[in-house]
Amino acid sequence: MTTTDDVLSTVPAPAGSDIRVETVDYAHDDAPLQGVLAKDAAVAGPRPAVLVIHDWHGVNEHVEARVTMLARLGYVAFGADVYGAGVRPGDDSAAEVAGRFYGDNALFRARLRAGLDRLLADPEVDASKVVVMGYCFGGSGALELARTGADLVGAVSFHGGLITHDPSDADQIRAKLLVLTGGSDPVVPDEAVHAWQDEMRSAPHVDWQVVTYADAMHAFAVPGTDAPDHGAQYQERADRRSWQALQVFLAEVFDEEPTVS
């Protein structure tokens, strides 16, 4: 079975780099939050940055692996904490914890904004080149943050729920959007994809794209996921292809030469 360490090893640290990964305490109102920040200390000056939003298990080793991979690619990466410091639910309670935020969109967006603000506070972040991305719950979050009109150049959803809004607020979106979804994902069926696309069409200025991966279930990019009876299973092929798609997208929105690992 593919592990988080296996995925991390697909992006080796560049020669001469000094990748630092650290826990960061911050807050939203009175709620303590705890994220994880990764960057190359051997590089000086501001650089593009990526905000990573966790899945419904909270900030964990998967988030740490992804921010580390992004730092190895040359970005400042911050894994934001939506739930709160120490709130890292297991399979038995993750749906309930995530449901609190799905049911309170204002709180959800405020916690996402707090993570973005913490990333922007880093002096080595180029505030004109920031992308948000996320997995499952975090994929929904990435798109929700874009809907707030946040000054982002891109938003990427990995097997995230495609929530539509009525009345629509798609006209607030300033970021380019990349949706990476599974062709066999019962959590995000074709009808949900079509409804989301129809809403995006109502805002012609929004630059969006959807990539669908054959036979991929929900959580196809989260190593260790193996619950096909519940429609969720890791798939190495879709994970690899979606990571490559992310890199091409980042190169475009950050105006860089594409390098795909």
C-alpha atoms as a PDB file:
ATOM      1  CA  MET A   1       0.000   0.000   0.000  1.00  0.00           C
ATOM      2  CA  THR A   2       1.259   3.467  -0.878  1.00  0.00           C
ATOM      3  CA  THR A   3       2.144   5.507   2.209  1.00  0.00           C
ATOM      4  CA  THR A   4       2.502   9.217   2.844  1.00  0.00           C
ATOM      5  CA  ASP A   5       6.281   8.738   2.905  1.00  0.00           C
ATOM      6  CA  ASP A   6       6.111   7.118  -0.541  1.00  0.00           C
ATOM      7  CA  VAL A   7       4.297  10.163  -1.907  1.00  0.00           C
ATOM      8  CA  LEU A   8       6.716  12.543  -0.203  1.00  0.00           C
ATOM      9  CA  SER A   9       9.663  10.753  -1.818  1.00  0.00           C
ATOM     10  CA  THR A  10       8.349  11.531  -5.310  1.00  0.00           C
ATOM     11  CA  VAL A  11       9.528  15.133  -4.851  1.00  0.00           C
ATOM     12  CA  PRO A  12      13.145  15.003  -3.617  1.00  0.00           C
ATOM     13  CA  ALA A  13      14.745  17.996  -1.950  1.00  0.00           C
ATOM     14  CA  PRO A  14      16.895  19.956  -4.426  1.00  0.00           C
ATOM     15  CA  ALA A  15      20.653  19.935  -3.950  1.00  0.00           C
ATOM     16  CA  GLY A  16      21.729  22.760  -1.662  1.00  0.00           C
ATOM     17  CA  SER A  17      18.240  23.326  -0.264  1.00  0.00           C
ATOM     18  CA  ASP A  18      17.436  23.706   3.428  1.00  0.00           C
ATOM     19  CA  ILE A  19      13.801  22.753   3.798  1.00  0.00           C
ATOM     20  CA  ARG A  20      12.371  23.808   7.145  1.00  0.00           C
ATOM     21  CA  VAL A  21       9.021  22.488   8.375  1.00  0.00           C
ATOM     22  CA  GLU A  22       7.603  23.965  11.558  1.00  0.00           C
ATOM     23  CA  THR A  23       4.426  24.077  13.579  1.00  0.00           C
ATOM     24  CA  VAL A  24       2.828  27.535  13.663  1.00  0.00           C
ATOM     25  CA  ASP A  25       0.412  28.731  16.342  1.00  0.00           C
ATOM     26  CA  TYR A  26      -2.092  31.401  15.331  1.00  0.00           C
ATOM     27  CA  ALA A  27      -5.704  32.233  16.074  1.00  0.00           C
ATOM     28  CA  HIS A  28      -9.118  33.187  14.754  1.00  0.00           C
ATOM     29  CA  ASP A  29     -11.011  35.338  17.255  1.00  0.00           C
ATOM     30  CA  ASP A  30     -10.583  33.398  20.520  1.00  0.00           C
ATOM     31  CA  ALA A  31      -9.955  30.039  18.874  1.00  0.00           C
ATOM     32  CA  PRO A  32      -6.333  28.793  18.941  1.00  0.00           C
ATOM     33  CA  LEU A  33      -5.245  27.263  15.643  1.00  0.00           C
ATOM     34  CA  GLN A  34      -2.143  25.269  14.759  1.00  0.00           C
ATOM     35  CA  GLY A  35      -0.877  24.905  11.214  1.00  0.00           C
ATOM     36  CA  VAL A  36       2.338  23.765   9.576  1.00  0.00           C
ATOM     37  CA  LEU A  37       4.683  25.956   7.523  1.00  0.00           C
ATOM     38  CA  ALA A  38       7.336  24.756   5.067  1.00  0.00           C
ATOM     39  CA  LYS A  39       9.897  26.696   3.043  1.00  0.00           C
ATOM     40  CA  ASP A  40      13.463  26.549   1.786  1.00  0.00           C
ATOM     41  CA  ALA A  41      15.673  28.567   4.154  1.00  0.00           C
ATOM     42  CA  ALA A  42      18.459  28.517   1.568  1.00  0.00           C
ATOM     43  CA  VAL A  43      16.429  30.834  -0.672  1.00  0.00           C
ATOM     44  CA  ALA A  44      16.228  34.535   0.104  1.00  0.00           C
ATOM     45  CA  GLY A  45      13.428  36.947  -0.678  1.00  0.00           C
ATOM     46  CA  PRO A  46       9.704  36.722  -1.406  1.00  0.00           C
ATOM     47  CA  ARG A  47       8.424  33.856  -3.536  1.00  0.00           C
ATOM     48  CA  PRO A  48       5.080  32.364  -4.632  1.00  0.00           C
ATOM     49  CA  ALA A  49       3.089  30.672  -1.900  1.00  0.00           C
ATOM     50  CA  VAL A  50       0.489  27.925  -1.544  1.00  0.00           C
ATOM     51  CA  LEU A  51      -2.124  27.632   1.195  1.00  0.00           C
ATOM     52  CA  VAL A  52      -3.049  23.971   1.814  1.00  0.00           C
ATOM     53  CA  ILE A  53      -6.397  23.079   3.421  1.00  0.00           C
ATOM     54  CA  HIS A  54      -6.682  19.720   5.163  1.00  0.00           C
ATOM     55  CA  ASP A  55      -9.251  16.986   4.632  1.00  0.00           C
ATOM     56  CA  TRP A  56     -11.804  16.099   7.298  1.00  0.00           C
ATOM     57  CA  HIS A  57      -9.127  14.551   9.543  1.00  0.00           C
ATOM     58  CA  GLY A  58      -7.504  17.927  10.176  1.00  0.00           C
ATOM     59  CA  VAL A  59      -3.838  18.924   9.972  1.00  0.00           C
ATOM     60  CA  ASN A  60      -1.883  15.656   9.943  1.00  0.00           C
ATOM     61  CA  GLU A  61       1.052  13.868   8.313  1.00  0.00           C
ATOM     62  CA  HIS A  62      -0.568  14.112   4.883  1.00  0.00           C
ATOM     63  CA  VAL A  63      -0.752  17.907   5.124  1.00  0.00           C
ATOM     64  CA  GLU A  64       2.838  18.014   6.363  1.00  0.00           C
ATOM     65  CA  ALA A  65       3.938  15.888   3.406  1.00  0.00           C
ATOM     66  CA  ARG A  66       2.181  18.116   0.877  1.00  0.00           C
ATOM     67  CA  VAL A  67       3.566  21.385   2.257  1.00  0.00           C
ATOM     68  CA  THR A  68       7.028  19.805   2.316  1.00  0.00           C
ATOM     69  CA  MET A  69       6.659  18.751  -1.319  1.00  0.00           C
ATOM     70  CA  LEU A  70       5.616  22.269  -2.256  1.00  0.00           C
ATOM     71  CA  ALA A  71       8.574  23.769  -0.377  1.00  0.00           C
ATOM     72  CA  ARG A  72      10.860  21.421  -2.286  1.00  0.00           C
ATOM     73  CA  LEU A  73       9.377  22.840  -5.478  1.00  0.00           C
ATOM     74  CA  GLY A  74      10.392  26.331  -4.361  1.00  0.00           C
ATOM     75  CA  TYR A  75       7.226  27.688  -2.754  1.00  0.00           C
ATOM     76  CA  VAL A  76       6.335  28.848   0.718  1.00  0.00           C
ATOM     77  CA  ALA A  77       3.575  26.471   1.806  1.00  0.00           C
ATOM     78  CA  PHE A  78       1.276  26.699   4.806  1.00  0.00           C
ATOM     79  CA  GLY A  79      -1.084  23.973   5.977  1.00  0.00           C
ATOM     80  CA  ALA A  80      -3.902  25.936   7.607  1.00  0.00           C
ATOM     81  CA  ASP A  81      -5.984  24.669  10.515  1.00  0.00           C
ATOM     82  CA  VAL A  82      -9.736  25.072  10.095  1.00  0.00           C
ATOM     83  CA  TYR A  83     -10.792  22.957  13.078  1.00  0.00           C
ATOM     84  CA  GLY A  84      -8.696  24.338  15.951  1.00  0.00           C
ATOM     85  CA  ALA A  85      -5.518  23.342  17.754  1.00  0.00           C
ATOM     86  CA  GLY A  86      -5.671  19.732  18.900  1.00  0.00           C
ATOM     87  CA  VAL A  87      -8.849  18.935  16.965  1.00  0.00           C
ATOM     88  CA  ARG A  88      -7.736  16.018  14.799  1.00  0.00           C
ATOM     89  CA  PRO A  89     -10.719  13.669  14.495  1.00  0.00           C
ATOM     90  CA  GLY A  90     -10.552  10.025  13.550  1.00  0.00           C
ATOM     91  CA  ASP A  91     -12.868   8.198  11.190  1.00  0.00           C
ATOM     92  CA  ASP A  92     -15.514   7.879  13.893  1.00  0.00           C
ATOM     93  CA  SER A  93     -15.970  11.627  14.396  1.00  0.00           C
ATOM     94  CA  ALA A  94     -14.554  13.369  11.301  1.00  0.00           C
ATOM     95  CA  ALA A  95     -17.934  13.699   9.602  1.00  0.00           C
ATOM     96  CA  GLU A  96     -19.408  15.397  12.665  1.00  0.00           C
ATOM     97  CA  VAL A  97     -16.521  17.853  13.016  1.00  0.00           C
ATOM     98  CA  ALA A  98     -16.474  18.696   9.315  1.00  0.00           C
ATOM     99  CA  GLY A  99     -20.248  19.045   9.371  1.00  0.00           C
ATOM    100  CA  ARG A 100     -19.979  21.917  11.825  1.00  0.00           C
ATOM    101  CA  PHE A 101     -18.210  23.968   9.174  1.00  0.00           C
ATOM    102  CA  TYR A 102     -20.285  22.763   6.230  1.00  0.00           C
ATOM    103  CA  GLY A 103     -23.287  23.893   8.269  1.00  0.00           C
ATOM    104  CA  ASP A 104     -21.812  27.301   9.124  1.00  0.00           C
ATOM    105  CA  ASN A 105     -20.366  28.703   5.925  1.00  0.00           C
ATOM    106  CA  ALA A 106     -19.518  32.069   7.500  1.00  0.00           C
ATOM    107  CA  LEU A 107     -17.348  30.339  10.122  1.00  0.00           C
ATOM    108  CA  PHE A 108     -15.819  28.072   7.484  1.00  0.00           C
ATOM    109  CA  ARG A 109     -14.818  31.021   5.335  1.00  0.00           C
ATOM    110  CA  ALA A 110     -13.532  32.981   8.323  1.00  0.00           C
ATOM    111  CA  ARG A 111     -11.224  30.131   9.356  1.00  0.00           C
ATOM    112  CA  LEU A 112      -9.989  29.836   5.774  1.00  0.00           C
ATOM    113  CA  ARG A 113      -9.316  33.566   5.711  1.00  0.00           C
ATOM    114  CA  ALA A 114      -7.398  33.317   8.992  1.00  0.00           C
ATOM    115  CA  GLY A 115      -5.122  30.738   7.389  1.00  0.00           C
ATOM    116  CA  LEU A 116      -4.583  32.946   4.358  1.00  0.00           C
ATOM    117  CA  ASP A 117      -3.787  35.926   6.564  1.00  0.00           C
ATOM    118  CA  ARG A 118      -1.216  33.886   8.493  1.00  0.00           C
ATOM    119  CA  LEU A 119       0.457  32.842   5.252  1.00  0.00           C
ATOM    120  CA  LEU A 120       0.492  36.419   3.962  1.00  0.00           C
ATOM    121  CA  ALA A 121       2.133  37.548   7.210  1.00  0.00           C
ATOM    122  CA  ASP A 122       5.253  35.602   6.297  1.00  0.00           C
ATOM    123  CA  PRO A 123       7.847  38.085   4.961  1.00  0.00           C
ATOM    124  CA  GLU A 124       9.046  35.593   2.353  1.00  0.00           C
ATOM    125  CA  VAL A 125       5.648  35.379   0.645  1.00  0.00           C
ATOM    126  CA  ASP A 126       4.985  37.260  -2.577  1.00  0.00           C
ATOM    127  CA  ALA A 127       1.438  38.403  -1.835  1.00  0.00           C
ATOM    128  CA  SER A 128       0.710  38.851  -5.543  1.00  0.00           C
ATOM    129  CA  LYS A 129       1.298  35.123  -6.177  1.00  0.00           C
ATOM    130  CA  VAL A 130      -0.774  32.997  -3.807  1.00  0.00           C
ATOM    131  CA  VAL A 131      -2.772  29.853  -4.573  1.00  0.00           C
ATOM    132  CA  VAL A 132      -5.065  27.885  -2.263  1.00  0.00           C
ATOM    133  CA  MET A 133      -5.480  24.121  -2.625  1.00  0.00           C
ATOM    134  CA  GLY A 134      -7.116  21.405  -0.574  1.00  0.00           C
ATOM    135  CA  TYR A 135      -8.197  17.797  -0.295  1.00  0.00           C
ATOM    136  CA  CYS A 136     -11.786  16.581   0.202  1.00  0.00           C
ATOM    137  CA  PHE A 137     -13.114  18.974   2.897  1.00  0.00           C
ATOM    138  CA  GLY A 138     -10.169  21.187   2.014  1.00  0.00           C
ATOM    139  CA  GLY A 139     -10.999  21.081  -1.678  1.00  0.00           C
ATOM    140  CA  SER A 140     -14.417  22.485  -0.847  1.00  0.00           C
ATOM    141  CA  GLY A 141     -12.653  25.031   1.345  1.00  0.00           C
ATOM    142  CA  ALA A 142     -10.308  26.153  -1.421  1.00  0.00           C
ATOM    143  CA  LEU A 143     -13.289  26.968  -3.633  1.00  0.00           C
ATOM    144  CA  GLU A 144     -15.141  28.664  -0.774  1.00  0.00           C
ATOM    145  CA  LEU A 145     -12.178  30.934  -0.120  1.00  0.00           C
ATOM    146  CA  ALA A 146     -12.088  31.848  -3.812  1.00  0.00           C
ATOM    147  CA  ARG A 147     -15.797  32.739  -3.618  1.00  0.00           C
ATOM    148  CA  THR A 148     -15.044  35.380  -0.981  1.00  0.00           C
ATOM    149  CA  GLY A 149     -13.186  37.432  -3.576  1.00  0.00           C
ATOM    150  CA  ALA A 150      -9.846  36.795  -1.868  1.00  0.00           C
ATOM    151  CA  ASP A 151      -6.869  38.097  -3.814  1.00  0.00           C
ATOM    152  CA  LEU A 152      -5.675  34.722  -5.075  1.00  0.00           C
ATOM    153  CA  VAL A 153      -4.265  33.824  -8.469  1.00  0.00           C
ATOM    154  CA  GLY A 154      -5.544  30.253  -8.245  1.00  0.00           C
ATOM    155  CA  ALA A 155      -7.637  27.743  -6.310  1.00  0.00           C
ATOM    156  CA  VAL A 156      -7.299  23.966  -6.651  1.00  0.00           C
ATOM    157  CA  SER A 157      -9.699  21.306  -5.408  1.00  0.00           C
ATOM    158  CA  PHE A 158      -8.563  17.686  -5.064  1.00  0.00           C
ATOM    159  CA  HIS A 159     -11.707  15.508  -4.849  1.00  0.00           C
ATOM    160  CA  GLY A 160     -13.494  18.284  -2.983  1.00  0.00           C
ATOM    161  CA  GLY A 161     -17.219  18.659  -2.679  1.00  0.00           C
ATOM    162  CA  LEU A 162     -18.563  20.992  -5.358  1.00  0.00           C
ATOM    163  CA  ILE A 163     -20.937  23.205  -3.420  1.00  0.00           C
ATOM    164  CA  THR A 164     -23.208  25.472  -5.420  1.00  0.00           C
ATOM    165  CA  HIS A 165     -24.792  28.621  -4.029  1.00  0.00           C
ATOM    166  CA  ASP A 166     -28.185  30.199  -4.602  1.00  0.00           C
ATOM    167  CA  PRO A 167     -28.008  33.087  -5.040  1.00  0.00           C
ATOM    168  CA  SER A 168     -24.704  32.538  -6.734  1.00  0.00           C
ATOM    169  CA  ASP A 169     -21.597  34.384  -5.622  1.00  0.00           C
ATOM    170  CA  ALA A 170     -19.455  33.101  -8.493  1.00  0.00           C
ATOM    171  CA  ASP A 171     -19.075  36.658  -9.760  1.00  0.00           C
ATOM    172  CA  GLN A 172     -16.875  37.379  -6.707  1.00  0.00           C
ATOM    173  CA  ILE A 173     -14.229  34.869  -7.806  1.00  0.00           C
ATOM    174  CA  ARG A 174     -10.931  36.416  -8.885  1.00  0.00           C
ATOM    175  CA  ALA A 175      -8.809  33.252  -8.970  1.00  0.00           C
ATOM    176  CA  LYS A 176      -8.368  30.759 -11.769  1.00  0.00           C
ATOM    177  CA  LEU A 177      -9.915  27.444 -10.727  1.00  0.00           C
ATOM    178  CA  LEU A 178      -8.717  23.858 -11.172  1.00  0.00           C
ATOM    179  CA  VAL A 179     -11.045  21.067 -10.077  1.00  0.00           C
ATOM    180  CA  LEU A 180      -9.568  17.551  -9.956  1.00  0.00           C
ATOM    181  CA  THR A 181     -12.281  14.963  -9.404  1.00  0.00           C
ATOM    182  CA  GLY A 182     -12.820  11.224  -9.536  1.00  0.00           C
ATOM    183  CA  GLY A 183     -14.882   9.605 -12.240  1.00  0.00           C
ATOM    184  CA  SER A 184     -16.209   7.047  -9.720  1.00  0.00           C
ATOM    185  CA  ASP A 185     -16.656   9.364  -6.741  1.00  0.00           C
ATOM    186  CA  PRO A 186     -20.125   8.874  -5.202  1.00  0.00           C
ATOM    187  CA  VAL A 187     -19.561  11.896  -2.933  1.00  0.00           C
ATOM    188  CA  VAL A 188     -19.148  14.149  -5.980  1.00  0.00           C
ATOM    189  CA  PRO A 189     -21.321  12.511  -8.659  1.00  0.00           C
ATOM    190  CA  ASP A 190     -21.699  13.740 -12.221  1.00  0.00           C
ATOM    191  CA  GLU A 191     -24.803  15.739 -11.297  1.00  0.00           C
ATOM    192  CA  ALA A 192     -22.805  17.766  -8.757  1.00  0.00           C
ATOM    193  CA  VAL A 193     -20.049  18.415 -11.290  1.00  0.00           C
ATOM    194  CA  HIS A 194     -22.584  19.547 -13.897  1.00  0.00           C
ATOM    195  CA  ALA A 195     -24.396  21.825 -11.432  1.00  0.00           C
ATOM    196  CA  TRP A 196     -21.107  23.445 -10.389  1.00  0.00           C
ATOM    197  CA  GLN A 197     -20.077  23.957 -14.013  1.00  0.00           C
ATOM    198  CA  ASP A 198     -23.442  25.552 -14.778  1.00  0.00           C
ATOM    199  CA  GLU A 199     -22.952  27.991 -11.909  1.00  0.00           C
ATOM    200  CA  MET A 200     -19.469  28.894 -13.149  1.00  0.00           C
ATOM    201  CA  ARG A 201     -20.905  29.536 -16.613  1.00  0.00           C
ATOM    202  CA  SER A 202     -23.105  32.194 -15.005  1.00  0.00           C
ATOM    203  CA  ALA A 203     -19.910  34.178 -14.315  1.00  0.00           C
ATOM    204  CA  PRO A 204     -18.183  34.325 -17.717  1.00  0.00           C
ATOM    205  CA  HIS A 205     -15.079  36.068 -16.366  1.00  0.00           C
ATOM    206  CA  VAL A 206     -14.133  33.045 -14.223  1.00  0.00           C
ATOM    207  CA  ASP A 207     -11.384  30.878 -15.720  1.00  0.00           C
ATOM    208  CA  TRP A 208     -12.147  27.305 -14.615  1.00  0.00           C
ATOM    209  CA  GLN A 209     -11.324  23.764 -15.647  1.00  0.00           C
ATOM    210  CA  VAL A 210     -12.385  20.305 -14.478  1.00  0.00           C
ATOM    211  CA  VAL A 211     -10.242  17.185 -14.844  1.00  0.00           C
ATOM    212  CA  THR A 212     -11.868  13.808 -14.200  1.00  0.00           C
ATOM    213  CA  TYR A 213      -9.842  10.673 -13.454  1.00  0.00           C
ATOM    214  CA  ALA A 214     -11.156   7.292 -14.588  1.00  0.00           C
ATOM    215  CA  ASP A 215     -12.170   4.806 -11.886  1.00  0.00           C
ATOM    216  CA  ALA A 216     -11.012   7.189  -9.142  1.00  0.00           C
ATOM    217  CA  MET A 217     -13.099   7.301  -5.983  1.00  0.00           C
ATOM    218  CA  HIS A 218     -13.291   9.962  -3.297  1.00  0.00           C
ATOM    219  CA  ALA A 219      -9.973  10.720  -1.532  1.00  0.00           C
ATOM    220  CA  PHE A 220      -7.986   9.326  -4.464  1.00  0.00           C
ATOM    221  CA  ALA A 221      -4.993  11.508  -3.505  1.00  0.00           C
ATOM    222  CA  VAL A 222      -4.862  10.670   0.217  1.00  0.00           C
ATOM    223  CA  PRO A 223      -2.477   7.750   0.830  1.00  0.00           C
ATOM    224  CA  GLY A 224      -3.814   5.031   3.099  1.00  0.00           C
ATOM    225  CA  THR A 225      -7.459   5.598   2.207  1.00  0.00           C
ATOM    226  CA  ASP A 226      -9.031   2.186   1.624  1.00  0.00           C
ATOM    227  CA  ALA A 227     -12.794   2.240   2.093  1.00  0.00           C
ATOM    228  CA  PRO A 228     -14.231   1.325  -1.329  1.00  0.00           C
ATOM    229  CA  ASP A 229     -17.496   0.233   0.295  1.00  0.00           C
ATOM    230  CA  HIS A 230     -17.905   3.879   1.296  1.00  0.00           C
ATOM    231  CA  GLY A 231     -16.733   5.223  -2.057  1.00  0.00           C
ATOM    232  CA  ALA A 232     -13.281   6.327  -0.896  1.00  0.00           C
ATOM    233  CA  GLN A 233      -9.975   4.796  -1.985  1.00  0.00           C
ATOM    234  CA  TYR A 234      -6.470   5.971  -2.781  1.00  0.00           C
ATOM    235  CA  GLN A 235      -5.446   5.556  -6.423  1.00  0.00           C
ATOM    236  CA  GLU A 236      -1.782   6.026  -7.274  1.00  0.00           C
ATOM    237  CA  ARG A 237      -2.444   6.874 -10.914  1.00  0.00           C
ATOM    238  CA  ALA A 238      -4.943   9.631 -10.167  1.00  0.00           C
ATOM    239  CA  ASP A 239      -2.753  10.966  -7.362  1.00  0.00           C
ATOM    240  CA  ARG A 240       0.264  11.135  -9.672  1.00  0.00           C
ATOM    241  CA  ARG A 241      -1.652  12.711 -12.538  1.00  0.00           C
ATOM    242  CA  SER A 242      -3.400  15.251 -10.318  1.00  0.00           C
ATOM    243  CA  TRP A 243      -0.087  16.305  -8.752  1.00  0.00           C
ATOM    244  CA  GLN A 244       1.326  16.816 -12.237  1.00  0.00           C
ATOM    245  CA  ALA A 245      -1.748  18.853 -13.169  1.00  0.00           C
ATOM    246  CA  LEU A 246      -1.210  20.977 -10.070  1.00  0.00           C
ATOM    247  CA  GLN A 247       2.384  21.726 -11.053  1.00  0.00           C
ATOM    248  CA  VAL A 248       1.394  22.786 -14.569  1.00  0.00           C
ATOM    249  CA  PHE A 249      -1.336  25.005 -13.102  1.00  0.00           C
ATOM    250  CA  LEU A 250       1.036  26.601 -10.581  1.00  0.00           C
ATOM    251  CA  ALA A 251       3.569  27.323 -13.308  1.00  0.00           C
ATOM    252  CA  GLU A 252       0.851  29.052 -15.349  1.00  0.00           C
ATOM    253  CA  VAL A 253      -0.621  31.219 -12.602  1.00  0.00           C
ATOM    254  CA  PHE A 254       2.804  32.053 -11.148  1.00  0.00           C
ATOM    255  CA  ASP A 255       4.183  32.759 -14.630  1.00  0.00           C
ATOM    256  CA  GLU A 256       6.967  30.184 -14.371  1.00  0.00           C
ATOM    257  CA  GLU A 257       8.488  27.554 -16.610  1.00  0.00           C
ATOM    258  CA  PRO A 258       6.647  24.284 -15.893  1.00  0.00           C
ATOM    259  CA  THR A 259       8.623  21.517 -14.175  1.00  0.00           C
ATOM    260  CA  VAL A 260       6.678  18.335 -13.528  1.00  0.00           C
ATOM    261  CA  SER A 261       7.825  15.714 -11.018  1.00  0.00           C
END
